[in-house]
C-alpha atoms as a PDB file:
ATOM      1  CA  UNK A   1       0.000   0.000   0.000  1.00  0.00           C
ATOM      2  CA  UNK A   2       3.000   2.306   0.546  1.00  0.00           C
ATOM      3  CA  UNK A   3       3.748   2.162  -3.181  1.00  0.00           C
ATOM      4  CA  UNK A   4       0.166   3.145  -4.000  1.00  0.00           C
ATOM      5  CA  UNK A   5       0.416   6.107  -1.623  1.00  0.00           C
ATOM      6  CA  UNK A   6       3.730   7.133  -3.218  1.00  0.00           C
ATOM      7  CA  UNK A   7       2.299   6.928  -6.735  1.00  0.00           C
ATOM      8  CA  UNK A   8      -0.808   8.855  -5.783  1.00  0.00           C
ATOM      9  CA  UNK A   9       1.352  11.584  -4.230  1.00  0.00           C
ATOM     10  CA  UNK A  10       3.265  11.708  -7.523  1.00  0.00           C
ATOM     11  CA  UNK A  11      -0.060  12.198  -9.330  1.00  0.00           C
ATOM     12  CA  UNK A  12      -0.804  14.987  -6.858  1.00  0.00           C
ATOM     13  CA  UNK A  13       2.557  16.671  -7.476  1.00  0.00           C
ATOM     14  CA  UNK A  14       2.313  16.306 -11.252  1.00  0.00           C
ATOM     15  CA  UNK A  15      -1.212  17.723 -11.267  1.00  0.00           C
ATOM     16  CA  UNK A  16      -0.308  20.718  -9.118  1.00  0.00           C
ATOM     17  CA  UNK A  17       2.848  21.558 -11.086  1.00  0.00           C
ATOM     18  CA  UNK A  18       1.052  21.136 -14.425  1.00  0.00           C
ATOM     19  CA  UNK A  19      -1.764  23.402 -13.233  1.00  0.00           C
ATOM     20  CA  UNK A  20       0.728  26.073 -12.212  1.00  0.00           C
ATOM     21  CA  UNK A  21       2.659  25.679 -15.474  1.00  0.00           C
ATOM     22  CA  UNK A  22      -0.583  26.098 -17.403  1.00  0.00           C
ATOM     23  CA  UNK A  23      -1.429  29.168 -15.363  1.00  0.00           C
ATOM     24  CA  UNK A  24       1.996  30.576 -16.251  1.00  0.00           C
ATOM     25  CA  UNK A  25       1.065  30.255 -19.938  1.00  0.00           C
ATOM     26  CA  UNK A  26      -2.294  31.864 -19.167  1.00  0.00           C
ATOM     27  CA  UNK A  27      -0.585  34.901 -17.638  1.00  0.00           C
ATOM     28  CA  UNK A  28       2.337  35.314 -20.018  1.00  0.00           C
ATOM     29  CA  UNK A  29       1.464  34.081 -23.497  1.00  0.00           C
ATOM     30  CA  UNK A  30       1.652  36.788 -26.136  1.00  0.00           C
ATOM     31  CA  UNK A  31       0.037  36.428 -29.522  1.00  0.00           C
ATOM     32  CA  UNK A  32      -2.637  38.083 -31.663  1.00  0.00           C
ATOM     33  CA  UNK A  33      -4.926  35.295 -30.391  1.00  0.00           C
ATOM     34  CA  UNK A  34      -4.069  36.178 -26.782  1.00  0.00           C
ATOM     35  CA  UNK A  35      -7.639  36.405 -25.541  1.00  0.00           C
ATOM     36  CA  UNK A  36      -8.598  32.990 -26.932  1.00  0.00           C
ATOM     37  CA  UNK A  37      -5.435  31.416 -25.510  1.00  0.00           C
ATOM     38  CA  UNK A  38      -5.995  33.206 -22.197  1.00  0.00           C
ATOM     39  CA  UNK A  39      -9.519  31.745 -21.852  1.00  0.00           C
ATOM     40  CA  UNK A  40      -8.405  28.323 -23.109  1.00  0.00           C
ATOM     41  CA  UNK A  41      -5.619  28.002 -20.563  1.00  0.00           C
ATOM     42  CA  UNK A  42      -7.818  29.353 -17.763  1.00  0.00           C
ATOM     43  CA  UNK A  43     -10.335  26.558 -18.280  1.00  0.00           C
ATOM     44  CA  UNK A  44      -7.508  24.040 -18.272  1.00  0.00           C
ATOM     45  CA  UNK A  45      -5.717  25.232 -15.132  1.00  0.00           C
ATOM     46  CA  UNK A  46      -9.008  25.598 -13.250  1.00  0.00           C
ATOM     47  CA  UNK A  47      -9.883  21.981 -14.046  1.00  0.00           C
ATOM     48  CA  UNK A  48      -6.417  20.845 -12.954  1.00  0.00           C
ATOM     49  CA  UNK A  49      -6.429  22.848  -9.717  1.00  0.00           C
ATOM     50  CA  UNK A  50      -9.925  21.475  -9.062  1.00  0.00           C
ATOM     51  CA  UNK A  51      -8.478  17.969  -9.106  1.00  0.00           C
ATOM     52  CA  UNK A  52      -5.769  18.666  -6.522  1.00  0.00           C
ATOM     53  CA  UNK A  53      -7.991  18.418  -3.431  1.00  0.00           C
ATOM     54  CA  UNK A  54      -9.763  15.199  -4.503  1.00  0.00           C
ATOM     55  CA  UNK A  55      -6.391  13.586  -5.284  1.00  0.00           C
ATOM     56  CA  UNK A  56      -5.055  14.559  -1.846  1.00  0.00           C
ATOM     57  CA  UNK A  57      -8.217  13.223  -0.209  1.00  0.00           C
ATOM     58  CA  UNK A  58      -7.747   9.902  -1.996  1.00  0.00           C
ATOM     59  CA  UNK A  59      -4.220   9.719  -0.540  1.00  0.00           C
ATOM     60  CA  UNK A  60      -5.753  10.194   2.911  1.00  0.00           C
ATOM     61  CA  UNK A  61      -8.497   7.639   2.199  1.00  0.00           C
ATOM     62  CA  UNK A  62      -5.855   4.938   1.728  1.00  0.00           C
ATOM     63  CA  UNK A  63      -4.256   5.917   5.043  1.00  0.00           C
ATOM     64  CA  UNK A  64      -1.439   7.983   3.552  1.00  0.00           C
ATOM     65  CA  UNK A  65      -0.410  11.588   4.016  1.00  0.00           C
ATOM     66  CA  UNK A  66      -0.751  13.967   1.108  1.00  0.00           C
ATOM     67  CA  UNK A  67       2.314  15.995   0.199  1.00  0.00           C
ATOM     68  CA  UNK A  68       1.589  19.696   0.353  1.00  0.00           C
ATOM     69  CA  UNK A  69       4.719  21.772  -0.043  1.00  0.00           C
ATOM     70  CA  UNK A  70       6.270  23.219  -3.174  1.00  0.00           C
ATOM     71  CA  UNK A  71       9.534  21.478  -2.331  1.00  0.00           C
ATOM     72  CA  UNK A  72       7.820  18.097  -2.101  1.00  0.00           C
ATOM     73  CA  UNK A  73       5.942  18.717  -5.346  1.00  0.00           C
ATOM     74  CA  UNK A  74       9.134  19.628  -7.177  1.00  0.00           C
ATOM     75  CA  UNK A  75      10.896  16.590  -5.763  1.00  0.00           C
ATOM     76  CA  UNK A  76       8.142  14.198  -6.918  1.00  0.00           C
ATOM     77  CA  UNK A  77       7.018  15.687 -10.221  1.00  0.00           C
ATOM     78  CA  UNK A  78       8.084  14.671 -13.700  1.00  0.00           C
ATOM     79  CA  UNK A  79       6.839  18.008 -15.084  1.00  0.00           C
ATOM     80  CA  UNK A  80       9.531  20.569 -15.865  1.00  0.00           C
ATOM     81  CA  UNK A  81       8.893  24.243 -15.333  1.00  0.00           C
ATOM     82  CA  UNK A  82       9.093  27.023 -17.915  1.00  0.00           C
ATOM     83  CA  UNK A  83      11.899  29.465 -17.194  1.00  0.00           C
ATOM     84  CA  UNK A  84      10.575  31.775 -19.894  1.00  0.00           C
ATOM     85  CA  UNK A  85       7.149  31.283 -21.429  1.00  0.00           C
ATOM     86  CA  UNK A  86       7.719  30.152 -25.028  1.00  0.00           C
ATOM     87  CA  UNK A  87       5.596  30.959 -28.069  1.00  0.00           C
ATOM     88  CA  UNK A  88       2.025  29.656 -27.919  1.00  0.00           C
ATOM     89  CA  UNK A  89       2.770  26.727 -30.244  1.00  0.00           C
ATOM     90  CA  UNK A  90       5.842  25.700 -28.244  1.00  0.00           C
ATOM     91  CA  UNK A  91       4.052  26.164 -24.913  1.00  0.00           C
ATOM     92  CA  UNK A  92       1.066  24.106 -26.013  1.00  0.00           C
ATOM     93  CA  UNK A  93       3.317  21.398 -27.459  1.00  0.00           C
ATOM     94  CA  UNK A  94       5.101  21.159 -24.108  1.00  0.00           C
ATOM     95  CA  UNK A  95       1.809  21.044 -22.207  1.00  0.00           C
ATOM     96  CA  UNK A  96       0.676  18.260 -24.542  1.00  0.00           C
ATOM     97  CA  UNK A  97       3.745  16.200 -23.615  1.00  0.00           C
ATOM     98  CA  UNK A  98       3.195  16.984 -19.933  1.00  0.00           C
ATOM     99  CA  UNK A  99      -0.378  15.703 -20.008  1.00  0.00           C
ATOM    100  CA  UNK A 100       0.921  12.459 -21.499  1.00  0.00           C
ATOM    101  CA  UNK A 101       3.429  12.178 -18.636  1.00  0.00           C
ATOM    102  CA  UNK A 102       0.597  12.567 -16.130  1.00  0.00           C
ATOM    103  CA  UNK A 103      -1.486   9.945 -17.944  1.00  0.00           C
ATOM    104  CA  UNK A 104       1.454   7.525 -17.753  1.00  0.00           C
ATOM    105  CA  UNK A 105       1.669   7.972 -13.957  1.00  0.00           C
ATOM    106  CA  UNK A 106      -2.111   7.747 -13.653  1.00  0.00           C
ATOM    107  CA  UNK A 107      -2.051   4.439 -15.549  1.00  0.00           C
ATOM    108  CA  UNK A 108       0.649   3.037 -13.274  1.00  0.00           C
ATOM    109  CA  UNK A 109      -1.301   4.209 -10.230  1.00  0.00           C
ATOM    110  CA  UNK A 110      -4.514   2.722 -11.651  1.00  0.00           C
ATOM    111  CA  UNK A 111      -2.894  -0.727 -11.978  1.00  0.00           C
ATOM    112  CA  UNK A 112      -1.566  -0.503  -8.424  1.00  0.00           C
ATOM    113  CA  UNK A 113      -5.030   0.523  -7.140  1.00  0.00           C
ATOM    114  CA  UNK A 114      -6.554  -2.464  -8.922  1.00  0.00           C
ATOM    115  CA  UNK A 115      -3.940  -4.729  -7.348  1.00  0.00           C
ATOM    116  CA  UNK A 116      -5.118  -3.558  -3.917  1.00  0.00           C
ATOM    117  CA  UNK A 117      -8.773  -3.772  -4.995  1.00  0.00           C
ATOM    118  CA  UNK A 118      -9.254  -0.039  -4.439  1.00  0.00           C
ATOM    119  CA  UNK A 119     -11.934   0.148  -7.144  1.00  0.00           C
ATOM    120  CA  UNK A 120     -13.313   3.547  -6.121  1.00  0.00           C
ATOM    121  CA  UNK A 121      -9.809   4.975  -6.488  1.00  0.00           C
ATOM    122  CA  UNK A 122      -9.424   3.149  -9.812  1.00  0.00           C
ATOM    123  CA  UNK A 123     -12.622   4.765 -11.090  1.00  0.00           C
ATOM    124  CA  UNK A 124     -11.381   8.195  -9.965  1.00  0.00           C
ATOM    125  CA  UNK A 125      -8.053   7.615 -11.734  1.00  0.00           C
ATOM    126  CA  UNK A 126      -9.875   6.612 -14.927  1.00  0.00           C
ATOM    127  CA  UNK A 127     -11.833   9.865 -14.771  1.00  0.00           C
ATOM    128  CA  UNK A 128      -8.572  11.799 -14.359  1.00  0.00           C
ATOM    129  CA  UNK A 129      -7.110  10.028 -17.400  1.00  0.00           C
ATOM    130  CA  UNK A 130     -10.195  11.018 -19.398  1.00  0.00           C
ATOM    131  CA  UNK A 131      -9.807  14.653 -18.301  1.00  0.00           C
ATOM    132  CA  UNK A 132      -6.162  14.688 -19.412  1.00  0.00           C
ATOM    133  CA  UNK A 133      -7.064  13.066 -22.736  1.00  0.00           C
ATOM    134  CA  UNK A 134      -9.605  15.825 -23.331  1.00  0.00           C
ATOM    135  CA  UNK A 135      -6.971  18.465 -22.548  1.00  0.00           C
ATOM    136  CA  UNK A 136      -4.630  16.717 -24.996  1.00  0.00           C
ATOM    137  CA  UNK A 137      -7.264  16.780 -27.725  1.00  0.00           C
ATOM    138  CA  UNK A 138      -7.773  20.511 -27.210  1.00  0.00           C
ATOM    139  CA  UNK A 139      -4.028  21.152 -27.169  1.00  0.00           C
ATOM    140  CA  UNK A 140      -3.448  19.090 -30.333  1.00  0.00           C
ATOM    141  CA  UNK A 141      -6.147  21.047 -32.138  1.00  0.00           C
ATOM    142  CA  UNK A 142      -4.683  24.337 -30.916  1.00  0.00           C
ATOM    143  CA  UNK A 143      -1.101  23.412 -31.850  1.00  0.00           C
ATOM    144  CA  UNK A 144      -2.295  22.350 -35.297  1.00  0.00           C
ATOM    145  CA  UNK A 145      -3.964  25.740 -35.790  1.00  0.00           C
ATOM    146  CA  UNK A 146      -0.869  27.600 -34.556  1.00  0.00           C
ATOM    147  CA  UNK A 147       1.451  25.594 -36.823  1.00  0.00           C
ATOM    148  CA  UNK A 148      -0.728  26.259 -39.881  1.00  0.00           C
ATOM    149  CA  UNK A 149      -0.423  30.040 -39.487  1.00  0.00           C
END
């Protein structure tokens, strides 16, 4: 069960860091389509931040302790930060790769939850994978538009 708690805390860290990274794009992207990108990224980071508390509560529900400091998040995450916000196409391409990284950890966590017969957690993790897949679809469509211009 310790491994499941560790993986779920990694999901928590990845989700928090990805939400903050997305919010960074929201604040700093510059482009003639700024307003559309601003709204697009706001919807995405709000959804991600909205998942943070339920993920932490799932850690607690399996008798673990949720990580909650920036240092712990940065230690656990596989998401790299932007030093400087890149062009919209480059930023969205990076976010697309980051969502795939989170899905990979979610899948690993899902299999571990199934091993421990934590089916409610498994269902939650499936829903999180679906949310990330939707974000990826939106990002792919946006990157395609940006690359065509």
